[in-house]
Amino acid sequence: MTVTMMTTRNIEYSEEKLIELVLYIGAKCGLDEHYGTLKLNKILFYSDFRAFRTRGKPITGATYKKYTHGPAPSVMKQLRRRLESQGTTFEYKNPLEGINESGDPISEKRLLPMRKPRIDEVLHPEEIAIVDLVIEQLRPLTGKQVSRKSHTHRGWKVAHMEKPIPYVAALLPDEDGPLPLSAADFQKARQIARDYSSAT
């Protein structure tokens, strides 16, 4: 099978796909012990980047930025607020063991759907299969573990803090890949990240 690779500039963002994926992931993972918004962001990231690597284009085309806790869609905070205000989702604070630095009980935010996702209308079955695979691979991990794992992704490593992670980084050997990244490859990847950041 020949994969036609899209350039970064040709990637189209589909808010509709992102919204339906947020609802789908929330519906599928909402009762999981370790599910929260941190893991939601990582499922979206790994799904989009795996799709780019295997199919030549991402699922949602969202821009992911490098943050302290790992990659997340740059539009996520605004999108979450809008979905909650529309009654499409609601945020549940799942209580966890322990207390934070302020002495308050620790909780994990979960974005849960208020309607059934229109997944079959919006996404291709191959895209759904990629998301399902990522969900199953990350399901046993806590939010902190998923965050640490995302810090080993080549895209997160080459990007600057709070700057976009280029989709072409999905083509680099990742933390599970058999090939180490040479110093020359790493510098080339950094240059790609810099070029992408200056173009957006």
Protein backbone atom coordinates (compact mmCIF):
# COMPACT_ATOMS: atom_id res chain seq x y z
CA MET A 1 0.00 0.00 0.00
CA THR A 2 1.35 3.42 -0.95
CA VAL A 3 0.93 6.16 1.60
CA THR A 4 0.78 9.72 0.30
CA MET A 5 2.50 11.85 2.89
CA MET A 6 0.93 15.22 3.63
CA THR A 7 3.26 18.10 4.37
CA THR A 8 2.74 20.01 7.60
CA ARG A 9 1.33 22.97 5.70
CA ASN A 10 -1.30 20.77 4.02
CA ILE A 11 -2.73 19.34 7.24
CA GLU A 12 -6.34 20.34 7.77
CA TYR A 13 -7.77 20.65 11.26
CA SER A 14 -11.22 19.16 11.83
CA GLU A 15 -12.85 20.46 15.00
CA GLU A 16 -15.78 18.12 14.34
CA LYS A 17 -13.49 15.08 14.47
CA LEU A 18 -11.77 16.34 17.61
CA ILE A 19 -15.08 16.90 19.40
CA GLU A 20 -16.44 13.47 18.49
CA LEU A 21 -13.17 11.84 19.55
CA VAL A 22 -13.27 13.62 22.91
CA LEU A 23 -16.80 12.28 23.42
CA TYR A 24 -15.87 8.79 22.19
CA ILE A 25 -12.82 8.52 24.44
CA GLY A 26 -14.80 9.83 27.40
CA ALA A 27 -17.57 7.29 26.78
CA LYS A 28 -15.11 4.43 26.39
CA CYS A 29 -12.75 5.32 29.25
CA GLY A 30 -14.96 7.29 31.66
CA LEU A 31 -15.20 4.48 34.21
CA ASP A 32 -11.54 3.44 33.99
CA GLU A 33 -9.61 3.71 37.24
CA HIS A 34 -6.85 5.86 35.74
CA TYR A 35 -8.80 8.02 33.30
CA GLY A 36 -8.61 11.81 33.41
CA THR A 37 -8.07 14.82 31.17
CA LEU A 38 -4.31 14.21 31.27
CA LYS A 39 -4.78 10.79 29.72
CA LEU A 40 -7.42 12.12 27.31
CA ASN A 41 -4.84 14.53 25.86
CA LYS A 42 -2.28 11.75 25.45
CA ILE A 43 -4.76 9.39 23.77
CA LEU A 44 -5.56 12.16 21.28
CA PHE A 45 -1.85 12.88 20.72
CA TYR A 46 -0.78 9.28 20.19
CA SER A 47 -3.79 8.59 17.96
CA ASP A 48 -3.14 11.56 15.67
CA PHE A 49 0.60 10.93 15.45
CA ARG A 50 0.20 7.18 14.89
CA ALA A 51 -2.32 7.90 12.14
CA PHE A 52 0.15 10.29 10.52
CA ARG A 53 2.90 7.69 10.74
CA THR A 54 0.83 4.79 9.38
CA ARG A 55 -1.66 6.50 7.04
CA GLY A 56 0.16 9.64 5.98
CA LYS A 57 -2.28 12.01 7.67
CA PRO A 58 -3.56 12.62 11.22
CA ILE A 59 -7.13 12.01 12.34
CA THR A 60 -8.07 15.45 13.66
CA GLY A 61 -5.20 17.58 12.36
CA ALA A 62 -5.14 19.42 15.71
CA THR A 63 -1.99 21.31 16.63
CA TYR A 64 -0.29 19.71 19.64
CA LYS A 65 2.04 21.74 21.83
CA LYS A 66 4.71 20.72 24.29
CA TYR A 67 3.57 21.33 27.86
CA THR A 68 5.02 20.37 31.24
CA HIS A 69 2.74 17.34 31.57
CA GLY A 70 3.23 16.29 27.95
CA PRO A 71 1.61 17.02 24.58
CA ALA A 72 -1.93 18.35 24.35
CA PRO A 73 -4.07 19.97 21.64
CA SER A 74 -3.48 23.72 21.75
CA VAL A 75 -7.25 24.34 21.53
CA MET A 76 -8.16 21.95 24.33
CA LYS A 77 -8.81 24.41 27.18
CA GLN A 78 -11.11 26.60 25.09
CA LEU A 79 -12.82 23.57 23.56
CA ARG A 80 -13.48 22.01 26.97
CA ARG A 81 -15.04 25.22 28.27
CA ARG A 82 -17.25 25.54 25.20
CA LEU A 83 -18.39 21.89 25.30
CA GLU A 84 -19.26 22.22 28.99
CA SER A 85 -21.15 25.49 28.48
CA GLN A 86 -23.14 23.87 25.66
CA GLY A 87 -23.99 20.87 27.84
CA THR A 88 -22.15 18.50 25.49
CA THR A 89 -19.79 17.37 28.26
CA PHE A 90 -19.43 17.78 32.00
CA GLU A 91 -16.38 17.70 34.22
CA TYR A 92 -16.38 15.17 37.02
CA LYS A 93 -13.77 15.44 39.75
CA ASN A 94 -12.78 11.89 40.65
CA PRO A 95 -11.43 11.81 44.25
CA LEU A 96 -7.99 10.24 44.71
CA GLU A 97 -6.05 9.21 47.78
CA GLY A 98 -3.96 11.86 49.49
CA ILE A 99 -3.94 15.64 49.82
CA ASN A 100 -2.23 18.37 47.81
CA GLU A 101 0.20 21.07 48.97
CA SER A 102 -2.73 23.24 50.11
CA GLY A 103 -4.08 20.43 52.28
CA ASP A 104 -7.07 19.81 50.03
CA PRO A 105 -8.11 16.34 48.85
CA ILE A 106 -6.58 15.32 45.51
CA SER A 107 -8.94 14.76 42.60
CA GLU A 108 -8.60 13.93 38.92
CA LYS A 109 -10.67 15.81 36.34
CA ARG A 110 -12.65 13.66 33.92
CA LEU A 111 -14.35 15.11 30.87
CA LEU A 112 -17.44 12.96 30.31
CA PRO A 113 -19.95 13.04 27.42
CA MET A 114 -23.55 14.16 27.76
CA ARG A 115 -24.53 12.71 24.39
CA LYS A 116 -23.60 9.74 22.24
CA PRO A 117 -20.60 10.43 19.99
CA ARG A 118 -21.33 10.47 16.25
CA ILE A 119 -18.22 8.41 15.66
CA ASP A 120 -19.46 6.35 12.69
CA GLU A 121 -20.68 9.47 10.89
CA VAL A 122 -17.44 11.41 11.31
CA LEU A 123 -14.55 8.94 11.40
CA HIS A 124 -13.27 6.22 9.09
CA PRO A 125 -13.20 2.70 10.63
CA GLU A 126 -9.41 2.64 10.29
CA GLU A 127 -9.19 5.83 12.34
CA ILE A 128 -11.42 4.37 15.05
CA ALA A 129 -9.23 1.24 15.11
CA ILE A 130 -6.13 3.39 15.73
CA VAL A 131 -7.84 5.20 18.63
CA ASP A 132 -9.03 1.91 20.14
CA LEU A 133 -5.50 0.49 19.95
CA VAL A 134 -4.03 3.54 21.69
CA ILE A 135 -6.72 3.38 24.40
CA GLU A 136 -5.91 -0.26 25.14
CA GLN A 137 -2.16 0.38 25.23
CA LEU A 138 -2.52 3.28 27.66
CA ARG A 139 -5.37 1.86 29.75
CA PRO A 140 -3.20 0.27 32.51
CA LEU A 141 -1.17 3.47 33.01
CA THR A 142 -1.92 6.24 35.49
CA GLY A 143 -1.99 9.86 34.37
CA LYS A 144 1.52 10.41 35.74
CA GLN A 145 2.83 7.32 33.96
CA VAL A 146 1.30 8.41 30.66
CA SER A 147 2.79 11.88 31.14
CA ARG A 148 6.26 10.40 31.72
CA LYS A 149 5.86 8.16 28.69
CA SER A 150 4.96 11.11 26.49
CA HIS A 151 8.17 12.84 27.55
CA THR A 152 10.14 10.08 25.80
CA HIS A 153 8.38 10.70 22.46
CA ARG A 154 10.78 12.19 19.92
CA GLY A 155 8.29 14.92 19.03
CA TRP A 156 8.11 16.11 22.64
CA LYS A 157 11.92 16.02 22.90
CA VAL A 158 12.65 18.08 19.79
CA ALA A 159 9.96 20.74 20.36
CA HIS A 160 10.43 23.81 22.55
CA MET A 161 8.17 24.33 25.57
CA GLU A 162 4.68 25.59 24.63
CA LYS A 163 5.55 25.37 20.93
CA PRO A 164 3.92 23.07 18.33
CA ILE A 165 5.14 19.51 17.90
CA PRO A 166 5.44 18.89 14.13
CA TYR A 167 3.61 15.85 12.80
CA VAL A 168 6.73 14.86 10.86
CA ALA A 169 8.24 13.92 14.23
CA ALA A 170 5.95 10.87 14.07
CA LEU A 171 8.31 9.49 11.41
CA LEU A 172 11.28 9.51 13.78
CA PRO A 173 12.06 6.36 15.76
CA ASP A 174 10.14 6.72 19.03
CA GLU A 175 10.84 5.38 22.51
CA ASP A 176 9.69 1.92 21.44
CA GLY A 177 11.53 2.00 18.11
CA PRO A 178 14.47 -0.28 17.35
CA LEU A 179 16.75 2.49 16.05
CA PRO A 180 18.43 5.07 18.28
CA LEU A 181 18.32 8.69 17.18
CA SER A 182 21.79 9.89 16.16
CA ALA A 183 23.06 13.35 17.11
CA ALA A 184 22.74 14.42 13.47
CA ASP A 185 19.16 13.12 13.26
CA PHE A 186 18.27 14.86 16.51
CA GLN A 187 19.63 18.19 15.21
CA LYS A 188 17.72 17.75 11.96
CA ALA A 189 14.52 17.05 13.89
CA ARG A 190 15.09 20.16 16.01
CA GLN A 191 15.51 22.24 12.85
CA ILE A 192 12.20 20.85 11.52
CA ALA A 193 10.53 21.78 14.80
CA ARG A 194 12.01 25.32 14.65
CA ASP A 195 10.91 25.78 11.03
CA TYR A 196 7.42 24.58 11.87
CA SER A 197 7.13 26.81 14.92
CA SER A 198 8.17 29.91 12.97
CA ALA A 199 5.67 29.10 10.20
CA THR A 200 2.66 28.84 12.55
